[in-house]
Amino acid sequence: MADQRRRLLTYVGLVTVIVLGYTLVYNWGMTAFENRPKGLLHSLEIVVQTFTTTGYGEDAPWASAEMKLLMVAMQFTGVFMIFLALPLFVAPWVEERLQTTIPTSIDDVTGHVVLCELTARGEALIDELESWDREYVVIEPDRDRAATLREQEIRVIHGDPESTKTLRNAAVPSADTVVADAADERNASIVLAAREVSDAVRIVAFAENPQMTDYLTYAGADEVFTPHHLLGESLANRVQTAITTELGETVEIGTDFELVELAIQDGCPVDSIELKESGIRERTGANVIGIWRDGEFESPPNPDARLDSDTILLVAGSEPQLESLKQLVMAEDRGRGRRSVVIAGHGEVGSTVLHSLAKGRIESTVIDKHDDPRVDVVGDASRAETLEAAGVESAETLILTLGEDNVTMLATLVARELNPDLEILARAEEAESISKVYRAGADYVLALATVSGRMIASVVLDEEVMSPDIQIQVVRTAAPELVGDSLDGASIRARTGCTVVAVERNGDVLTDLDPGMVIETDDTLVVAGTDEAINQFNEIAQ
């Protein structure tokens, strides 16, 4: 504001000096060259008319060349001063008047989620919140970015999330959760301010640096997520599930009923067999709810779908049934002897993968550009000679934990060429890169932002997640719009792609569901599906 005022005073002073100067010269010239003396006030009038291009006065035309040149000079000067004023004062004034009004507070809202700054993982959380009709507000300190978010129809207020005043303006005392999603040091300040505003609100924070976890907890955060560790553990869990006879991550539905994802392995008893011919239900008692193939989920699964190493099954059943199925989808030689795993990248994600696999007694070969005692091959993981030196040609699994998506795509292409049977698990920085990495030849891809967003959504929405990525979520929800319909009549699978895996009724969990079962008022449905499918289910059930 002070700079604007200073520019205005300078401009007014300059115009005044120039106008008065031209007035004196014009007054003198009319006497000296035209022999038509004029008063100073008349001369000022002529100068102003010329500057503003409203006319040239009653003195025109001029006979002398000197006065004609003077008038040309005045015309150019006037136009220059006008065009100088446009970018300095007129355009900023118009822009300011046209700017979107950004609110600094919200009213009449409770039980909402307050996001302190917005990142890609926050965008994933907002998608979840909107699908469940949950209220939220984003606090954005940058006014221009706040305006952009508002134009995108994201509920936002402008303010400093480290300020207790801003947090009160965001109704933190009546909020359900505060999410601190800025830089680590700012997150600590945000947590302290939020805890000062409310002792009861739930506070969730992100820590890029794992060493900040304890500090954020000391500051008052109820839960702290380290995105790189989450991603590393998820990738490592996928490997361990594929090579051991133990079940991986499961979601418990009842006392003895669970959901789990299982990958079909080359050479297993059901490899290269159609689902309808596999006899999975008859041989194990487990029920196949859906099939993943190349990142695409199909539920209900097509009975003609061929099971192979590109297939991941989503199955439900008791623990003995699932363990029996685990044996069925594993190759006979899996889990015996040393597992050949190559990890490309030894940053935070890669080191987490290495540590997790080491705990499971799985030995790995590590590739990285930088030498380190824990790095076995130093080199570029996107180059064939580096991958060959790490033994990718004879390896069973390659885990790409590289920080650049373009490099990950190139490494995937090269590795797939070297070993067509290689299982490739990859990290993606951006969700938009997932489909490209799949097309390059990866078998399983996780995006850093999506993993973080889905995990925090599971906390905020109290939903269970099969794995912290874009894949399957399991929700327990009432379905008031479906009360009175039978499970078969509601056509939930056909209309949404979701599967009802259980019904909670009068304290009991019913898993042996008859298609004719009628949905009652107090029933809670346990539904499994992709994010999109769950959103569609909410639309018809709520």
Protein backbone atom coordinates (compact mmCIF):
# COMPACT_ATOMS: atom_id res chain seq x y z
CA MET A 1 0.00 0.00 0.00
CA ALA A 2 2.85 2.40 0.83
CA ASP A 3 4.56 1.62 -2.50
CA GLN A 4 1.34 2.29 -4.37
CA ARG A 5 0.93 5.66 -2.64
CA ARG A 6 4.55 6.56 -3.35
CA ARG A 7 4.14 5.74 -7.05
CA LEU A 8 0.96 7.82 -7.22
CA LEU A 9 2.59 10.88 -5.62
CA THR A 10 5.58 10.57 -7.96
CA TYR A 11 3.32 10.31 -10.99
CA VAL A 12 1.16 13.31 -9.97
CA GLY A 13 4.26 15.38 -9.29
CA LEU A 14 5.77 14.47 -12.67
CA VAL A 15 2.56 15.31 -14.54
CA THR A 16 2.29 18.64 -12.72
CA VAL A 17 5.84 19.65 -13.59
CA ILE A 18 5.45 18.64 -17.25
CA VAL A 19 2.09 20.41 -17.65
CA LEU A 20 3.35 23.62 -16.04
CA GLY A 21 6.51 23.48 -18.16
CA TYR A 22 4.56 23.06 -21.39
CA THR A 23 2.19 25.85 -20.29
CA LEU A 24 5.06 28.34 -19.91
CA VAL A 25 6.67 27.27 -23.21
CA TYR A 26 3.33 27.48 -25.06
CA ASN A 27 2.59 30.88 -23.58
CA TRP A 28 5.99 32.19 -24.65
CA GLY A 29 5.79 30.56 -28.10
CA MET A 30 2.43 32.09 -28.98
CA THR A 31 3.98 35.51 -28.47
CA ALA A 32 7.38 34.84 -30.02
CA PHE A 33 6.41 32.75 -33.06
CA GLU A 34 2.70 33.42 -33.68
CA ASN A 35 2.48 37.03 -32.49
CA ARG A 36 -0.71 36.07 -30.64
CA PRO A 37 -0.14 36.63 -26.92
CA LYS A 38 -2.26 34.46 -24.59
CA GLY A 39 -2.83 34.38 -20.88
CA LEU A 40 -1.32 31.69 -18.68
CA LEU A 41 -4.73 30.21 -17.84
CA HIS A 42 -5.59 29.95 -21.54
CA SER A 43 -2.23 28.34 -22.24
CA LEU A 44 -2.87 25.80 -19.43
CA GLU A 45 -6.26 25.00 -20.98
CA ILE A 46 -4.67 24.31 -24.39
CA VAL A 47 -1.99 22.04 -22.82
CA VAL A 48 -4.59 20.04 -20.89
CA GLN A 49 -6.78 19.66 -23.98
CA THR A 50 -3.77 18.39 -25.94
CA PHE A 51 -2.61 15.99 -23.20
CA THR A 52 -6.07 14.47 -22.77
CA THR A 53 -6.70 14.27 -26.52
CA THR A 54 -10.04 16.05 -26.04
CA GLY A 55 -9.11 18.76 -28.55
CA TYR A 56 -6.43 21.23 -29.49
CA GLY A 57 -8.13 24.50 -28.54
CA GLU A 58 -9.32 27.42 -30.50
CA ASP A 59 -5.75 28.51 -31.27
CA ALA A 60 -5.35 25.97 -34.10
CA PRO A 61 -3.99 26.09 -36.72
CA TRP A 62 -0.49 27.37 -36.01
CA ALA A 63 1.51 29.10 -38.70
CA SER A 64 5.06 28.66 -37.42
CA ALA A 65 7.05 25.44 -37.65
CA GLU A 66 8.25 25.91 -34.07
CA MET A 67 4.71 25.89 -32.64
CA LYS A 68 3.70 22.94 -34.81
CA LEU A 69 6.68 20.93 -33.44
CA LEU A 70 5.74 21.99 -29.92
CA MET A 71 2.19 20.73 -30.39
CA VAL A 72 3.46 17.38 -31.77
CA ALA A 73 5.73 17.04 -28.74
CA MET A 74 2.84 17.78 -26.41
CA GLN A 75 0.65 15.19 -28.13
CA PHE A 76 3.28 12.45 -27.79
CA THR A 77 3.94 13.42 -24.16
CA GLY A 78 0.23 13.32 -23.32
CA VAL A 79 -0.28 9.90 -24.87
CA PHE A 80 2.85 8.59 -23.10
CA MET A 81 1.62 9.81 -19.70
CA ILE A 82 -1.79 8.20 -20.24
CA PHE A 83 -0.30 4.83 -21.21
CA LEU A 84 2.10 5.07 -18.27
CA ALA A 85 -0.85 5.44 -15.92
CA LEU A 86 -2.66 2.35 -17.24
CA PRO A 87 -0.28 -0.38 -15.95
CA LEU A 88 0.69 1.59 -12.84
CA PHE A 89 -2.74 2.49 -11.52
CA VAL A 90 -5.71 1.64 -13.69
CA ALA A 91 -4.97 -2.05 -14.34
CA PRO A 92 -4.15 -2.87 -10.67
CA TRP A 93 -7.30 -1.03 -9.56
CA VAL A 94 -9.49 -2.95 -12.01
CA GLU A 95 -7.79 -6.28 -11.11
CA GLU A 96 -8.33 -5.65 -7.43
CA ARG A 97 -12.03 -4.94 -8.02
CA LEU A 98 -12.40 -8.11 -10.09
CA GLN A 99 -10.57 -10.38 -7.66
CA THR A 100 -12.56 -13.19 -6.06
CA THR A 101 -13.50 -12.38 -2.50
CA ILE A 102 -11.84 -14.92 -0.23
CA PRO A 103 -13.53 -15.51 3.13
CA THR A 104 -11.43 -15.49 6.29
CA SER A 105 -13.85 -17.45 8.47
CA ILE A 106 -16.70 -19.95 8.39
CA ASP A 107 -19.89 -20.08 10.42
CA ASP A 108 -22.46 -22.63 11.51
CA VAL A 109 -20.44 -25.79 10.95
CA THR A 110 -19.57 -28.61 13.33
CA GLY A 111 -17.94 -32.01 13.05
CA HIS A 112 -15.94 -30.86 10.03
CA VAL A 113 -12.33 -31.48 8.97
CA VAL A 114 -9.87 -28.58 8.90
CA LEU A 115 -7.00 -29.01 6.41
CA CYS A 116 -4.11 -26.69 7.20
CA GLU A 117 -2.80 -26.07 3.69
CA LEU A 118 -3.58 -28.34 0.74
CA THR A 119 -1.31 -30.87 -0.96
CA ALA A 120 -1.98 -33.74 -3.37
CA ARG A 121 -2.69 -36.06 -0.44
CA GLY A 122 -5.13 -33.49 0.92
CA GLU A 123 -6.90 -33.51 -2.44
CA ALA A 124 -7.29 -37.29 -2.13
CA LEU A 125 -8.78 -36.78 1.34
CA ILE A 126 -11.20 -34.14 0.03
CA ASP A 127 -12.44 -36.59 -2.61
CA GLU A 128 -13.22 -39.05 0.18
CA LEU A 129 -14.89 -36.41 2.36
CA GLU A 130 -17.08 -35.18 -0.48
CA SER A 131 -18.15 -38.72 -1.33
CA TRP A 132 -19.37 -39.09 2.25
CA ASP A 133 -20.91 -35.59 2.41
CA ARG A 134 -18.54 -34.62 5.20
CA GLU A 135 -17.91 -30.93 5.76
CA TYR A 136 -14.37 -29.58 5.48
CA VAL A 137 -12.47 -26.33 5.12
CA VAL A 138 -8.97 -25.63 3.82
CA ILE A 139 -6.82 -22.92 5.43
CA GLU A 140 -4.56 -21.42 2.75
CA PRO A 141 -2.02 -18.67 3.63
CA ASP A 142 -1.38 -17.65 0.00
CA ARG A 143 -4.20 -15.43 -1.23
CA ASP A 144 -3.73 -16.19 -4.94
CA ARG A 145 -3.75 -19.94 -4.31
CA ALA A 146 -6.79 -19.54 -2.07
CA ALA A 147 -8.56 -17.74 -4.93
CA THR A 148 -7.63 -20.58 -7.29
CA LEU A 149 -8.96 -23.20 -4.87
CA ARG A 150 -12.19 -21.25 -4.46
CA GLU A 151 -12.64 -21.14 -8.24
CA GLN A 152 -12.26 -24.95 -8.15
CA GLU A 153 -15.21 -25.01 -5.71
CA ILE A 154 -13.04 -26.11 -2.79
CA ARG A 155 -14.19 -24.64 0.51
CA VAL A 156 -11.30 -22.45 1.62
CA ILE A 157 -10.52 -19.55 3.90
CA HIS A 158 -7.52 -17.26 3.67
CA GLY A 159 -5.32 -17.06 6.74
CA ASP A 160 -2.26 -18.31 8.57
CA PRO A 161 -2.83 -21.87 9.88
CA GLU A 162 -0.22 -21.25 12.58
CA SER A 163 -2.40 -18.48 14.03
CA THR A 164 -4.87 -19.33 16.79
CA LYS A 165 -7.14 -16.58 15.44
CA THR A 166 -7.28 -18.25 12.01
CA LEU A 167 -7.93 -21.65 13.58
CA ARG A 168 -10.80 -20.20 15.58
CA ASN A 169 -12.11 -18.62 12.39
CA ALA A 170 -12.05 -22.14 10.91
CA ALA A 171 -14.22 -23.31 13.84
CA VAL A 172 -11.58 -25.70 15.16
CA PRO A 173 -13.25 -25.92 18.62
CA SER A 174 -16.27 -27.59 16.98
CA ALA A 175 -14.31 -29.56 14.36
CA ASP A 176 -13.83 -33.32 14.28
CA THR A 177 -10.24 -33.35 12.96
CA VAL A 178 -7.42 -30.95 12.16
CA VAL A 179 -4.96 -32.10 9.49
CA ALA A 180 -1.52 -30.44 9.56
CA ASP A 181 -0.14 -30.85 6.04
CA ALA A 182 2.52 -28.16 5.64
CA ALA A 183 6.31 -28.39 6.03
CA ASP A 184 7.46 -30.31 9.11
CA GLU A 185 8.47 -27.24 11.14
CA ARG A 186 5.23 -25.45 10.28
CA ASN A 187 3.27 -28.57 11.15
CA ALA A 188 4.71 -28.48 14.67
CA SER A 189 3.57 -24.87 15.02
CA ILE A 190 0.14 -25.71 13.60
CA VAL A 191 -0.30 -28.60 16.04
CA LEU A 192 0.66 -26.40 19.01
CA ALA A 193 -1.77 -23.67 17.92
CA ALA A 194 -4.60 -26.15 17.30
CA ARG A 195 -4.06 -27.77 20.68
CA GLU A 196 -4.17 -24.33 22.29
CA VAL A 197 -7.50 -23.65 20.60
CA SER A 198 -9.03 -27.03 21.53
CA ASP A 199 -8.02 -29.86 23.84
CA ALA A 200 -10.66 -32.18 22.37
CA VAL A 201 -10.17 -31.91 18.61
CA ARG A 202 -8.37 -34.80 16.93
CA ILE A 203 -5.11 -33.68 15.31
CA VAL A 204 -3.42 -35.63 12.52
CA ALA A 205 -0.06 -34.50 11.15
CA PHE A 206 2.32 -35.49 8.37
CA ALA A 207 6.08 -35.72 8.83
CA GLU A 208 8.33 -35.94 5.81
CA ASN A 209 11.27 -36.46 8.17
CA PRO A 210 10.63 -39.49 10.41
CA GLN A 211 12.67 -37.86 13.16
CA MET A 212 9.92 -35.23 13.49
CA THR A 213 7.36 -37.85 14.53
CA ASP A 214 8.13 -37.63 18.24
CA TYR A 215 8.21 -33.82 18.21
CA LEU A 216 4.80 -33.62 16.57
CA THR A 217 3.47 -36.08 19.14
CA TYR A 218 4.94 -33.97 21.95
CA ALA A 219 3.28 -30.91 20.40
CA GLY A 220 -0.12 -32.57 20.73
CA ALA A 221 -0.77 -34.57 17.53
CA ASP A 222 -2.90 -37.67 18.07
CA GLU A 223 -1.51 -39.44 15.01
CA VAL A 224 1.52 -38.76 12.83
CA PHE A 225 1.97 -40.24 9.36
CA THR A 226 5.29 -40.55 7.57
CA PRO A 227 4.31 -40.93 3.88
CA HIS A 228 7.55 -42.50 2.65
CA HIS A 229 7.46 -45.15 5.37
CA LEU A 230 3.82 -45.95 4.60
CA LEU A 231 4.67 -46.44 0.96
CA GLY A 232 7.74 -48.56 1.71
CA GLU A 233 5.86 -50.81 4.10
CA SER A 234 3.05 -51.27 1.58
CA LEU A 235 5.46 -52.34 -1.15
CA ALA A 236 7.30 -54.68 1.22
CA ASN A 237 4.04 -56.20 2.40
CA ARG A 238 3.11 -56.98 -1.21
CA VAL A 239 6.37 -58.94 -1.62
CA GLN A 240 6.04 -60.83 1.66
CA THR A 241 2.44 -61.78 0.91
CA ALA A 242 3.53 -63.18 -2.44
CA ILE A 243 6.30 -65.41 -1.14
CA THR A 244 5.22 -66.72 2.26
CA THR A 245 2.43 -69.04 3.27
CA GLU A 246 1.19 -66.48 5.79
CA LEU A 247 -1.72 -64.21 4.94
CA GLY A 248 -0.92 -60.56 4.35
CA GLU A 249 -2.99 -57.58 5.44
CA THR A 250 -6.54 -58.62 6.17
CA VAL A 251 -9.70 -56.81 7.18
CA GLU A 252 -11.65 -58.58 9.89
CA ILE A 253 -15.40 -58.58 9.29
CA GLY A 254 -16.50 -60.83 12.10
CA THR A 255 -15.02 -63.17 14.65
CA ASP A 256 -13.87 -65.60 11.96
CA PHE A 257 -14.40 -63.84 8.63
CA GLU A 258 -11.83 -61.76 6.78
CA LEU A 259 -11.03 -60.09 3.48
CA VAL A 260 -7.63 -60.36 1.84
CA GLU A 261 -5.93 -59.81 -1.52
CA LEU A 262 -3.98 -62.75 -2.96
CA ALA A 263 -1.83 -62.76 -6.11
CA ILE A 264 -1.88 -65.67 -8.55
CA GLN A 265 1.65 -67.03 -9.06
CA ASP A 266 3.19 -68.64 -12.11
CA GLY A 267 2.99 -72.42 -11.90
CA CYS A 268 0.40 -72.56 -9.10
CA PRO A 269 -2.45 -75.12 -9.35
CA VAL A 270 -4.91 -72.52 -10.70
CA ASP A 271 -2.51 -70.74 -13.05
CA SER A 272 -3.86 -70.30 -16.61
CA ILE A 273 -7.28 -71.66 -15.61
CA GLU A 274 -10.59 -69.82 -16.00
CA LEU A 275 -12.18 -68.70 -12.74
CA LYS A 276 -15.26 -70.89 -13.27
CA GLU A 277 -13.01 -73.92 -13.76
CA SER A 278 -10.66 -73.19 -10.85
CA GLY A 279 -12.94 -74.69 -8.20
CA ILE A 280 -11.76 -72.12 -5.65
CA ARG A 281 -15.11 -72.05 -3.85
CA GLU A 282 -15.44 -75.85 -3.81
CA ARG A 283 -11.78 -76.54 -2.89
CA THR A 284 -11.29 -73.89 -0.20
CA GLY A 285 -14.70 -72.48 0.80
CA ALA A 286 -13.43 -68.93 0.15
CA ASN A 287 -15.47 -66.57 -1.99
CA VAL A 288 -13.87 -64.51 -4.81
CA ILE A 289 -15.35 -61.02 -4.59
CA GLY A 290 -13.32 -59.30 -7.28
CA ILE A 291 -10.29 -59.48 -9.54
CA TRP A 292 -7.49 -56.97 -10.09
CA ARG A 293 -5.69 -57.02 -13.43
CA ASP A 294 -3.24 -54.31 -14.56
CA GLY A 295 -4.66 -51.81 -12.11
CA GLU A 296 -8.29 -52.41 -13.14
CA PHE A 297 -10.75 -53.90 -10.68
CA GLU A 298 -13.68 -56.07 -11.74
CA SER A 299 -16.48 -56.95 -9.33
CA PRO A 300 -18.30 -59.21 -9.68
CA PRO A 301 -15.56 -61.11 -11.50
CA ASN A 302 -16.25 -62.57 -14.91
CA PRO A 303 -16.49 -66.37 -14.57
CA ASP A 304 -14.60 -66.64 -17.86
CA ALA A 305 -11.66 -64.58 -16.52
CA ARG A 306 -8.38 -66.44 -16.91
CA LEU A 307 -6.24 -66.56 -13.77
CA ASP A 308 -2.54 -65.85 -14.27
CA SER A 309 0.38 -63.95 -12.76
CA ASP A 310 -1.25 -60.64 -13.71
CA THR A 311 -4.26 -61.45 -11.51
CA ILE A 312 -4.87 -60.42 -7.91
CA LEU A 313 -7.92 -61.89 -6.19
CA LEU A 314 -10.00 -60.14 -3.55
CA VAL A 315 -11.39 -62.98 -1.46
CA ALA A 316 -13.47 -63.40 1.67
CA GLY A 317 -13.66 -66.27 4.09
CA SER A 318 -12.59 -67.69 7.41
CA GLU A 319 -8.90 -67.84 8.28
CA PRO A 320 -8.60 -71.59 7.53
CA GLN A 321 -10.35 -71.08 4.19
CA LEU A 322 -8.06 -68.20 3.25
CA GLU A 323 -4.95 -70.12 4.31
CA SER A 324 -6.11 -73.02 2.13
CA LEU A 325 -6.58 -70.65 -0.80
CA LYS A 326 -3.14 -69.14 -0.15
CA GLN A 327 -1.63 -72.56 -0.71
CA LEU A 328 -3.66 -72.93 -3.91
CA VAL A 329 -2.42 -69.69 -5.51
CA MET A 330 1.23 -70.21 -4.60
CA ALA A 331 3.69 -72.00 -6.84
CA GLU A 332 5.10 -75.12 -5.23
CA ASP A 333 8.64 -73.76 -5.19
CA ARG A 334 7.69 -70.38 -3.70
CA GLY A 335 8.84 -69.66 -0.19
CA ARG A 336 11.63 -72.22 -0.42
CA GLY A 337 15.19 -71.05 -0.47
CA ARG A 338 16.46 -67.54 -1.04
CA ARG A 339 14.06 -65.06 -2.59
CA SER A 340 15.63 -63.02 -5.39
CA VAL A 341 14.48 -59.43 -4.79
CA VAL A 342 16.08 -56.32 -6.25
CA ILE A 343 15.37 -52.89 -4.75
CA ALA A 344 16.12 -49.90 -6.99
CA GLY A 345 16.55 -46.78 -4.89
CA HIS A 346 17.79 -46.46 -1.33
CA GLY A 347 16.06 -43.30 -0.18
CA GLU A 348 13.51 -43.26 2.62
CA VAL A 349 11.07 -45.48 0.72
CA GLY A 350 13.75 -47.93 -0.41
CA SER A 351 15.39 -48.16 3.01
CA THR A 352 11.97 -48.84 4.56
CA VAL A 353 11.37 -51.63 2.05
CA LEU A 354 14.81 -53.10 2.80
CA HIS A 355 14.22 -52.96 6.56
CA SER A 356 10.77 -54.55 6.27
CA LEU A 357 12.03 -57.36 4.06
CA ALA A 358 14.98 -57.95 6.38
CA LYS A 359 12.55 -58.41 9.29
CA GLY A 360 10.85 -61.09 7.18
CA ARG A 361 14.26 -62.68 6.52
CA ILE A 362 14.09 -61.86 2.83
CA GLU A 363 17.47 -60.96 1.35
CA SER A 364 17.63 -58.21 -1.25
CA THR A 365 20.05 -56.63 -3.72
CA VAL A 366 20.01 -52.84 -3.54
CA ILE A 367 20.72 -50.44 -6.42
CA ASP A 368 21.37 -46.73 -5.91
CA LYS A 369 23.23 -43.90 -7.63
CA HIS A 370 25.11 -43.11 -4.44
CA ASP A 371 27.50 -45.45 -2.69
CA ASP A 372 26.49 -46.64 0.75
CA PRO A 373 27.38 -49.67 2.91
CA ARG A 374 23.88 -51.03 2.31
CA VAL A 375 24.01 -50.47 -1.48
CA ASP A 376 25.16 -53.51 -3.48
CA VAL A 377 25.22 -52.00 -6.99
CA VAL A 378 26.03 -48.33 -7.61
CA GLY A 379 24.52 -47.03 -10.83
CA ASP A 380 21.49 -45.76 -12.72
CA ALA A 381 18.57 -48.16 -12.30
CA SER A 382 17.17 -47.17 -15.70
CA ARG A 383 20.24 -48.55 -17.51
CA ALA A 384 20.39 -52.18 -18.60
CA GLU A 385 23.95 -52.75 -17.42
CA THR A 386 23.04 -51.65 -13.88
CA LEU A 387 20.01 -53.93 -13.72
CA GLU A 388 22.04 -56.80 -15.13
CA ALA A 389 24.74 -56.27 -12.48
CA ALA A 390 22.02 -56.53 -9.81
CA GLY A 391 20.79 -59.84 -11.22
CA VAL A 392 17.41 -58.66 -12.56
CA GLU A 393 17.55 -61.19 -15.40
CA SER A 394 17.23 -64.06 -12.90
CA ALA A 395 15.35 -62.20 -10.13
CA GLU A 396 11.76 -62.86 -9.18
CA THR A 397 10.84 -59.34 -8.02
CA LEU A 398 12.03 -55.80 -8.73
CA ILE A 399 10.88 -53.01 -6.42
CA LEU A 400 11.31 -49.53 -7.93
CA THR A 401 11.41 -46.85 -5.22
CA LEU A 402 12.84 -44.08 -7.39
CA GLY A 403 11.83 -40.47 -6.82
CA GLU A 404 11.23 -39.49 -10.46
CA ASP A 405 8.33 -41.00 -12.39
CA ASN A 406 10.03 -40.69 -15.78
CA VAL A 407 13.00 -42.68 -14.51
CA THR A 408 10.64 -45.26 -13.00
CA MET A 409 8.89 -45.70 -16.36
CA LEU A 410 12.19 -46.13 -18.19
CA ALA A 411 13.51 -48.60 -15.58
CA THR A 412 10.27 -50.58 -15.88
CA LEU A 413 10.58 -50.79 -19.65
CA VAL A 414 14.22 -51.92 -19.46
CA ALA A 415 13.60 -54.45 -16.68
CA ARG A 416 10.61 -55.95 -18.48
CA GLU A 417 12.75 -56.39 -21.60
CA LEU A 418 15.49 -58.10 -19.59
CA ASN A 419 13.11 -60.42 -17.73
CA PRO A 420 9.57 -60.89 -19.10
CA ASP A 421 8.59 -63.00 -16.07
CA LEU A 422 9.83 -60.46 -13.52
CA GLU A 423 7.33 -59.17 -10.94
CA ILE A 424 7.70 -55.37 -10.89
CA LEU A 425 6.39 -53.27 -8.00
CA ALA A 426 6.77 -49.53 -8.43
CA ARG A 427 6.44 -46.26 -6.59
CA ALA A 428 4.88 -43.27 -8.39
CA GLU A 429 5.22 -39.70 -7.19
CA GLU A 430 2.08 -38.49 -8.97
CA ALA A 431 -1.24 -40.31 -9.22
CA GLU A 432 -1.39 -39.31 -12.90
CA SER A 433 1.70 -41.44 -13.55
CA ILE A 434 0.17 -44.70 -12.30
CA SER A 435 -1.42 -45.70 -15.61
CA LYS A 436 1.79 -44.90 -17.50
CA VAL A 437 3.89 -47.07 -15.19
CA TYR A 438 1.38 -49.90 -15.63
CA ARG A 439 1.62 -49.53 -19.42
CA ALA A 440 5.40 -49.65 -19.13
CA GLY A 441 5.07 -53.13 -17.66
CA ALA A 442 4.69 -52.83 -13.86
CA ASP A 443 2.53 -55.36 -12.02
CA TYR A 444 1.68 -53.17 -9.03
CA VAL A 445 1.98 -49.40 -8.61
CA LEU A 446 1.49 -47.17 -5.57
CA ALA A 447 1.35 -43.35 -5.63
CA LEU A 448 2.89 -41.55 -2.67
CA ALA A 449 0.19 -38.88 -2.39
CA THR A 450 -2.65 -41.37 -2.75
CA VAL A 451 -1.24 -43.70 -0.10
CA SER A 452 -1.06 -40.81 2.37
CA GLY A 453 -4.49 -39.45 1.46
CA ARG A 454 -6.17 -42.84 1.73
CA MET A 455 -4.57 -43.60 5.08
CA ILE A 456 -5.68 -40.32 6.59
CA ALA A 457 -9.15 -40.82 5.11
CA SER A 458 -9.36 -44.16 6.92
CA VAL A 459 -8.66 -42.34 10.19
CA VAL A 460 -11.04 -39.44 9.61
CA LEU A 461 -13.88 -41.53 8.22
CA ASP A 462 -13.29 -44.57 10.47
CA GLU A 463 -13.21 -46.86 7.44
CA GLU A 464 -11.06 -49.93 6.97
CA VAL A 465 -8.64 -50.14 4.05
CA MET A 466 -7.39 -53.27 2.37
CA SER A 467 -4.17 -51.48 1.47
CA PRO A 468 -3.26 -47.78 1.67
CA ASP A 469 -3.56 -47.02 -2.02
CA ILE A 470 -6.21 -46.59 -4.68
CA GLN A 471 -7.39 -50.16 -4.40
CA ILE A 472 -10.01 -51.64 -2.12
CA GLN A 473 -11.75 -50.08 0.84
CA VAL A 474 -14.18 -51.74 3.19
CA VAL A 475 -16.90 -49.65 4.80
CA ARG A 476 -19.57 -50.32 7.37
CA THR A 477 -22.61 -48.20 6.65
CA ALA A 478 -26.36 -48.00 7.00
CA ALA A 479 -28.40 -48.05 3.80
CA PRO A 480 -31.70 -46.29 4.54
CA GLU A 481 -32.66 -46.01 0.86
CA LEU A 482 -32.38 -49.79 0.46
CA VAL A 483 -34.44 -50.81 3.51
CA GLY A 484 -37.11 -53.28 2.46
CA ASP A 485 -35.17 -54.47 -0.59
CA SER A 486 -33.60 -57.89 -0.76
CA LEU A 487 -29.88 -58.15 -1.48
CA ASP A 488 -30.72 -59.63 -4.85
CA GLY A 489 -33.43 -57.08 -5.57
CA ALA A 490 -31.23 -54.12 -4.68
CA SER A 491 -28.78 -55.19 -7.44
CA ILE A 492 -25.91 -53.56 -5.55
CA ARG A 493 -23.17 -55.28 -7.55
CA ALA A 494 -24.74 -54.50 -10.90
CA ARG A 495 -25.51 -50.87 -10.01
CA THR A 496 -22.31 -49.93 -8.20
CA GLY A 497 -19.62 -52.60 -8.58
CA CYS A 498 -19.55 -53.03 -4.78
CA THR A 499 -20.03 -56.32 -2.98
CA VAL A 500 -21.93 -56.74 0.27
CA VAL A 501 -19.67 -59.13 2.19
CA ALA A 502 -21.55 -59.14 5.50
CA VAL A 503 -24.53 -57.69 7.36
CA GLU A 504 -24.35 -56.65 11.01
CA ARG A 505 -27.76 -57.27 12.62
CA ASN A 506 -28.68 -57.21 16.32
CA GLY A 507 -25.02 -57.53 17.35
CA ASP A 508 -24.34 -60.48 15.06
CA VAL A 509 -22.23 -60.50 11.90
CA LEU A 510 -23.94 -62.46 9.16
CA THR A 511 -21.53 -63.62 6.46
CA ASP A 512 -23.47 -66.45 4.87
CA LEU A 513 -25.75 -64.15 2.92
CA ASP A 514 -28.85 -65.40 1.14
CA PRO A 515 -29.72 -63.36 -1.99
CA GLY A 516 -33.28 -63.14 -0.67
CA MET A 517 -32.21 -61.53 2.64
CA VAL A 518 -34.20 -58.32 3.17
CA ILE A 519 -32.31 -55.25 4.38
CA GLU A 520 -33.79 -54.02 7.69
CA THR A 521 -33.80 -50.54 9.26
CA ASP A 522 -31.10 -51.20 11.86
CA ASP A 523 -28.85 -53.24 9.58
CA THR A 524 -25.27 -52.18 8.94
CA LEU A 525 -23.92 -53.35 5.60
CA VAL A 526 -20.25 -54.25 5.23
CA VAL A 527 -19.40 -53.28 1.66
CA ALA A 528 -16.15 -53.76 -0.30
CA GLY A 529 -15.19 -51.98 -3.50
CA THR A 530 -13.00 -49.40 -5.16
CA ASP A 531 -13.24 -45.74 -4.22
CA GLU A 532 -15.44 -45.04 -7.23
CA ALA A 533 -17.69 -48.01 -6.51
CA ILE A 534 -18.10 -47.01 -2.87
CA ASN A 535 -19.03 -43.49 -3.95
CA GLN A 536 -21.68 -44.91 -6.26
CA PHE A 537 -22.99 -47.11 -3.46
CA ASN A 538 -23.34 -44.08 -1.19
CA GLU A 539 -25.40 -42.31 -3.85
CA ILE A 540 -28.01 -45.07 -4.00
CA ALA A 541 -27.96 -46.13 -0.35
CA GLN A 542 -27.86 -42.89 1.64
